[in-house]
Structures are given as C-alpha cells and as structure tokens.
C-alpha atoms as a PDB file:
ATOM      1  CA  MET A   1      -6.747  13.315   9.146  1.00  0.00           C
ATOM      2  CA  ARG A   2      -3.417  13.432   7.384  1.00  0.00           C
ATOM      3  CA  ARG A   3      -0.191  13.097   9.336  1.00  0.00           C
ATOM      4  CA  SER A   4       2.559  15.627   8.564  1.00  0.00           C
ATOM      5  CA  ARG A   5       5.273  13.149   7.531  1.00  0.00           C
ATOM      6  CA  PRO A   6       6.461  13.029   3.897  1.00  0.00           C
ATOM      7  CA  PHE A   7       4.711   9.746   3.033  1.00  0.00           C
ATOM      8  CA  SER A   8       1.379  10.966   4.382  1.00  0.00           C
ATOM      9  CA  ARG A   9       1.619  14.203   2.399  1.00  0.00           C
ATOM     10  CA  THR A  10       2.428  12.270  -0.775  1.00  0.00           C
ATOM     11  CA  GLU A  11      -0.320   9.727  -0.133  1.00  0.00           C
ATOM     12  CA  PHE A  12      -2.838  12.545   0.389  1.00  0.00           C
ATOM     13  CA  ASN A  13      -1.804  14.294  -2.829  1.00  0.00           C
ATOM     14  CA  ARG A  14      -2.094  11.057  -4.849  1.00  0.00           C
ATOM     15  CA  ARG A  15      -5.736  10.421  -3.961  1.00  0.00           C
ATOM     16  CA  ALA A  16      -7.989   9.405  -6.798  1.00  0.00           C
ATOM     17  CA  VAL A  17     -11.630  10.398  -7.153  1.00  0.00           C
ATOM     18  CA  ALA A  18     -14.391   7.831  -7.517  1.00  0.00           C
ATOM     19  CA  GLU A  19     -18.083   8.329  -7.987  1.00  0.00           C
ATOM     20  CA  LEU A  20     -20.297   6.751  -5.349  1.00  0.00           C
ATOM     21  CA  GLU A  21     -24.042   7.193  -5.681  1.00  0.00           C
ATOM     22  CA  GLY A  22     -23.563  10.418  -7.594  1.00  0.00           C
ATOM     23  CA  LEU A  23     -20.974  11.860  -5.203  1.00  0.00           C
ATOM     24  CA  GLN A  24     -17.309  12.455  -5.977  1.00  0.00           C
ATOM     25  CA  VAL A  25     -15.362  10.698  -3.218  1.00  0.00           C
ATOM     26  CA  PRO A  26     -11.572  10.835  -2.724  1.00  0.00           C
ATOM     27  CA  ILE A  27      -9.989   7.400  -2.342  1.00  0.00           C
ATOM     28  CA  ALA A  28      -6.477   6.171  -1.688  1.00  0.00           C
ATOM     29  CA  THR A  29      -4.593   4.553  -4.560  1.00  0.00           C
ATOM     30  CA  ALA A  30      -3.882   0.821  -4.560  1.00  0.00           C
ATOM     31  CA  GLU A  31      -0.181   1.571  -3.989  1.00  0.00           C
ATOM     32  CA  ASP A  32      -0.910   3.653  -0.916  1.00  0.00           C
ATOM     33  CA  ILE A  33      -3.311   1.084   0.517  1.00  0.00           C
ATOM     34  CA  LEU A  34      -0.651  -1.582  -0.032  1.00  0.00           C
ATOM     35  CA  LEU A  35       1.957   0.526   1.769  1.00  0.00           C
ATOM     36  CA  ALA A  36      -0.447   1.289   4.620  1.00  0.00           C
ATOM     37  CA  LYS A  37      -1.109  -2.444   5.030  1.00  0.00           C
ATOM     38  CA  LEU A  38       2.632  -3.117   5.188  1.00  0.00           C
ATOM     39  CA  GLU A  39       3.100  -0.352   7.718  1.00  0.00           C
ATOM     40  CA  TRP A  40       0.252  -1.661   9.891  1.00  0.00           C
ATOM     41  CA  ALA A  41       1.810  -5.122   9.681  1.00  0.00           C
ATOM     42  CA  LYS A  42       5.102  -3.715  10.930  1.00  0.00           C
ATOM     43  CA  LEU A  43       3.495  -1.784  13.773  1.00  0.00           C
ATOM     44  CA  GLY A  44       1.232  -4.570  14.941  1.00  0.00           C
ATOM     45  CA  GLU A  45       2.984  -7.639  13.584  1.00  0.00           C
ATOM     46  CA  SER A  46      -0.330  -8.500  11.939  1.00  0.00           C
ATOM     47  CA  GLU A  47      -0.501 -11.482   9.622  1.00  0.00           C
ATOM     48  CA  ARG A  48      -3.873 -10.233   8.355  1.00  0.00           C
ATOM     49  CA  GLN A  49      -2.328  -7.000   7.056  1.00  0.00           C
ATOM     50  CA  VAL A  50       0.409  -8.934   5.233  1.00  0.00           C
ATOM     51  CA  ASP A  51      -2.253 -11.194   3.709  1.00  0.00           C
ATOM     52  CA  ASP A  52      -4.224  -8.122   2.607  1.00  0.00           C
ATOM     53  CA  ALA A  53      -1.082  -6.632   1.034  1.00  0.00           C
ATOM     54  CA  ALA A  54      -0.430  -9.946  -0.734  1.00  0.00           C
ATOM     55  CA  GLY A  55      -3.985  -9.876  -2.049  1.00  0.00           C
ATOM     56  CA  ILE A  56      -3.471  -6.421  -3.512  1.00  0.00           C
ATOM     57  CA  LEU A  57      -0.290  -7.684  -5.174  1.00  0.00           C
ATOM     58  CA  GLU A  58      -2.057 -10.727  -6.619  1.00  0.00           C
ATOM     59  CA  ILE A  59      -4.923  -8.709  -8.067  1.00  0.00           C
ATOM     60  CA  ARG A  60      -3.225  -5.457  -9.084  1.00  0.00           C
ATOM     61  CA  ALA A  61       0.449  -6.355  -9.631  1.00  0.00           C
ATOM     62  CA  GLY A  62       0.464  -5.323 -13.289  1.00  0.00           C
ATOM     63  CA  ASP A  63      -1.208  -2.003 -12.538  1.00  0.00           C
ATOM     64  CA  LEU A  64       0.912  -0.854  -9.598  1.00  0.00           C
ATOM     65  CA  ASP A  65       3.562   1.855  -9.838  1.00  0.00           C
ATOM     66  CA  MET A  66       6.327  -0.373  -8.513  1.00  0.00           C
ATOM     67  CA  ASN A  67       8.940   2.402  -8.482  1.00  0.00           C
ATOM     68  CA  TYR A  68       6.692   4.352  -6.117  1.00  0.00           C
ATOM     69  CA  VAL A  69       6.026   1.285  -3.945  1.00  0.00           C
ATOM     70  CA  LEU A  70       9.710   0.338  -3.737  1.00  0.00           C
ATOM     71  CA  HIS A  71      10.718   3.907  -2.909  1.00  0.00           C
ATOM     72  CA  TRP A  72       8.363   4.021   0.078  1.00  0.00           C
ATOM     73  CA  VAL A  73       9.139   0.455   1.160  1.00  0.00           C
ATOM     74  CA  ARG A  74      12.742   1.619   1.603  1.00  0.00           C
ATOM     75  CA  GLU A  75      11.862   4.986   3.154  1.00  0.00           C
ATOM     76  CA  LEU A  76       9.420   3.453   5.643  1.00  0.00           C
ATOM     77  CA  GLU A  77      11.739   0.489   6.339  1.00  0.00           C
ATOM     78  CA  LEU A  78       9.140  -2.083   5.323  1.00  0.00           C
ATOM     79  CA  GLU A  79      11.490  -4.475   3.537  1.00  0.00           C
ATOM     80  CA  SER A  80      10.683  -7.575   5.604  1.00  0.00           C
ATOM     81  CA  GLN A  81       6.926  -7.023   5.396  1.00  0.00           C
ATOM     82  CA  TRP A  82       7.221  -6.386   1.646  1.00  0.00           C
ATOM     83  CA  ALA A  83       9.242  -9.581   1.118  1.00  0.00           C
ATOM     84  CA  LEU A  84       6.692 -11.616   3.081  1.00  0.00           C
ATOM     85  CA  ALA A  85       3.763 -10.130   1.141  1.00  0.00           C
ATOM     86  CA  GLN A  86       5.547 -10.881  -2.143  1.00  0.00           C
ATOM     87  CA  ARG A  87       6.164 -14.494  -1.117  1.00  0.00           C
ATOM     88  CA  ARG A  88       2.526 -14.928  -0.123  1.00  0.00           C
ATOM     89  CA  ALA A  89       1.373 -13.422  -3.390  1.00  0.00           C
ATOM     90  CA  GLY A  90       3.699 -15.714  -5.330  1.00  0.00           C
ATOM     91  CA  THR A  91       5.588 -12.813  -6.857  1.00  0.00           C
ATOM     92  CA  ARG A  92       8.867 -13.555  -5.060  1.00  0.00           C
ATOM     93  CA  GLN A  93      10.702 -16.796  -4.390  1.00  0.00           C
END
C-alpha cells in the first residue's frame, strides 16, 4: 500500500518492471530502496538499515540518480543517515 505523501507517490510512479518466472512484477528502483533504508534507519535507529544502504551505494553508486537521491535526502531530512551510509560505503570521508 502506498502512503499519500509526496515521496511515496513519486516512489510508486518510478517503479520498474522485472520478469520473474514469466510474470511482469513491479519493483522499486535502487534509489528508492536506498532512501527507504535511510528512512527506516532514522525511524528505528537501525545500524542494519544503514549497512544495507551502504551496500547499495557500494554496488550501484555509478548507476544511481544522485540528484534524485540528494533531493529526497533533504526533503525527508535524512542527512545524518546518508552521511553515515556514505562513510560506511567509502564514498565520503
């Protein structure tokens, strides 16, 4: 179920489609999964979510729409979680 806030509407509209055993399945983009992980980290102060976000950064950094990510990091007030994930991924000093 999609929440009615602006980020959730945007996230829903950005879904990609993947084929799984012959079925077309909507999936969240890497950027939106990263942002969700950061948001969960903020809400639950979860180190695991920050580590997951760092893993996405390590693997997909060159493929991510960083303007989109940075926009939502600011809008969702995830700056500290973002900085921590970047440090853990080795993409920020």
